[in-house]
Amino acid sequence: MVAMEAIASNILKQWNISEKLSINGDLLSRAINELGSGYIESNPYHNVIHATDVMQGSHLFLRNTELIEIA
């Protein structure tokens, strides 16, 4: 789950989410931890690794296309 925390924190910093939503960085980190701990490791597909992959892929897609301006 450490990878999810690191990647999510990095992505959220790039988007300035803490500032935009006026959320304390520590609170955001705890929320990411809680989200990651909700995944069941025994699930072979929908697990914390898959969630991290989808998050990072979505981030790159939004960064590298004009979709964010459209949204």
C-alpha atoms as a PDB file:
ATOM      1  CA  MET A   1       0.000   0.000   0.000  1.00  0.00           C
ATOM      2  CA  VAL A   2       3.047   2.247   0.310  1.00  0.00           C
ATOM      3  CA  ALA A   3       3.156   2.599  -3.480  1.00  0.00           C
ATOM      4  CA  MET A   4      -0.444   3.819  -3.546  1.00  0.00           C
ATOM      5  CA  GLU A   5       0.283   6.434  -0.891  1.00  0.00           C
ATOM      6  CA  ALA A   6       3.370   7.704  -2.687  1.00  0.00           C
ATOM      7  CA  ILE A   7       1.783   7.818  -6.125  1.00  0.00           C
ATOM      8  CA  ALA A   8      -1.476   9.345  -4.900  1.00  0.00           C
ATOM      9  CA  SER A   9       0.353  11.984  -2.879  1.00  0.00           C
ATOM     10  CA  ASN A  10       2.490  12.912  -5.870  1.00  0.00           C
ATOM     11  CA  ILE A  11      -0.506  13.136  -8.202  1.00  0.00           C
ATOM     12  CA  LEU A  12      -2.544  15.183  -5.738  1.00  0.00           C
ATOM     13  CA  LYS A  13       0.374  17.592  -5.274  1.00  0.00           C
ATOM     14  CA  GLN A  14       0.655  18.048  -9.034  1.00  0.00           C
ATOM     15  CA  TRP A  15      -3.031  18.963  -9.210  1.00  0.00           C
ATOM     16  CA  ASN A  16      -2.809  21.180  -6.070  1.00  0.00           C
ATOM     17  CA  ILE A  17      -5.782  19.342  -4.606  1.00  0.00           C
ATOM     18  CA  SER A  18      -5.007  20.310  -0.991  1.00  0.00           C
ATOM     19  CA  GLU A  19      -5.039  23.990  -1.835  1.00  0.00           C
ATOM     20  CA  LYS A  20      -8.003  23.845  -4.200  1.00  0.00           C
ATOM     21  CA  LEU A  21     -10.161  22.003  -1.685  1.00  0.00           C
ATOM     22  CA  SER A  22      -8.611  23.586   1.429  1.00  0.00           C
ATOM     23  CA  ILE A  23      -7.758  20.173   2.868  1.00  0.00           C
ATOM     24  CA  ASN A  24      -4.857  19.601   5.233  1.00  0.00           C
ATOM     25  CA  GLY A  25      -2.149  17.421   3.644  1.00  0.00           C
ATOM     26  CA  ASP A  26      -2.084  15.074   6.652  1.00  0.00           C
ATOM     27  CA  LEU A  27      -5.832  14.580   6.457  1.00  0.00           C
ATOM     28  CA  LEU A  28      -5.545  13.817   2.752  1.00  0.00           C
ATOM     29  CA  SER A  29      -2.783  11.273   3.444  1.00  0.00           C
ATOM     30  CA  ARG A  30      -4.941   9.556   6.065  1.00  0.00           C
ATOM     31  CA  ALA A  31      -7.841   9.448   3.594  1.00  0.00           C
ATOM     32  CA  ILE A  32      -5.584   7.806   0.987  1.00  0.00           C
ATOM     33  CA  ASN A  33      -4.448   5.275   3.607  1.00  0.00           C
ATOM     34  CA  GLU A  34      -8.033   4.498   4.543  1.00  0.00           C
ATOM     35  CA  LEU A  35      -9.024   4.101   0.911  1.00  0.00           C
ATOM     36  CA  GLY A  36      -6.121   1.747   0.245  1.00  0.00           C
ATOM     37  CA  SER A  37      -6.812  -0.356   3.318  1.00  0.00           C
ATOM     38  CA  GLY A  38     -10.353  -0.991   2.074  1.00  0.00           C
ATOM     39  CA  TYR A  39      -9.117  -3.225  -0.733  1.00  0.00           C
ATOM     40  CA  ILE A  40      -9.154  -6.951  -0.086  1.00  0.00           C
ATOM     41  CA  GLU A  41      -5.806  -8.493  -0.951  1.00  0.00           C
ATOM     42  CA  SER A  42      -7.366 -11.833  -1.791  1.00  0.00           C
ATOM     43  CA  ASN A  43      -9.155 -10.345  -4.800  1.00  0.00           C
ATOM     44  CA  PRO A  44      -6.942 -11.233  -7.765  1.00  0.00           C
ATOM     45  CA  TYR A  45      -7.949  -8.177  -9.824  1.00  0.00           C
ATOM     46  CA  HIS A  46      -9.679  -5.374  -7.928  1.00  0.00           C
ATOM     47  CA  ASN A  47      -6.961  -4.749  -5.391  1.00  0.00           C
ATOM     48  CA  VAL A  48      -4.790  -1.839  -4.268  1.00  0.00           C
ATOM     49  CA  ILE A  49      -2.312  -2.426  -7.116  1.00  0.00           C
ATOM     50  CA  HIS A  50      -5.099  -2.198  -9.692  1.00  0.00           C
ATOM     51  CA  ALA A  51      -6.498   0.939  -8.032  1.00  0.00           C
ATOM     52  CA  THR A  52      -3.069   2.578  -8.088  1.00  0.00           C
ATOM     53  CA  ASP A  53      -2.577   1.638 -11.733  1.00  0.00           C
ATOM     54  CA  VAL A  54      -5.958   3.093 -12.739  1.00  0.00           C
ATOM     55  CA  MET A  55      -5.274   6.273 -10.757  1.00  0.00           C
ATOM     56  CA  GLN A  56      -1.857   6.784 -12.347  1.00  0.00           C
ATOM     57  CA  GLY A  57      -3.153   5.945 -15.832  1.00  0.00           C
ATOM     58  CA  SER A  58      -6.042   8.387 -15.463  1.00  0.00           C
ATOM     59  CA  HIS A  59      -3.638  11.057 -14.265  1.00  0.00           C
ATOM     60  CA  LEU A  60      -1.396  10.607 -17.306  1.00  0.00           C
ATOM     61  CA  PHE A  61      -4.381  10.561 -19.642  1.00  0.00           C
ATOM     62  CA  LEU A  62      -5.674  13.852 -18.214  1.00  0.00           C
ATOM     63  CA  ARG A  63      -2.225  15.457 -18.219  1.00  0.00           C
ATOM     64  CA  ASN A  64      -1.359  14.447 -21.782  1.00  0.00           C
ATOM     65  CA  THR A  65      -4.630  15.259 -23.517  1.00  0.00           C
ATOM     66  CA  GLU A  66      -6.876  18.282 -23.755  1.00  0.00           C
ATOM     67  CA  LEU A  67      -9.611  16.449 -21.869  1.00  0.00           C
ATOM     68  CA  ILE A  68      -8.969  18.391 -18.660  1.00  0.00           C
ATOM     69  CA  GLU A  69      -9.726  21.673 -20.433  1.00  0.00           C
ATOM     70  CA  ILE A  70     -12.944  20.203 -21.814  1.00  0.00           C
ATOM     71  CA  ALA A  71     -14.022  18.906 -18.406  1.00  0.00           C
END
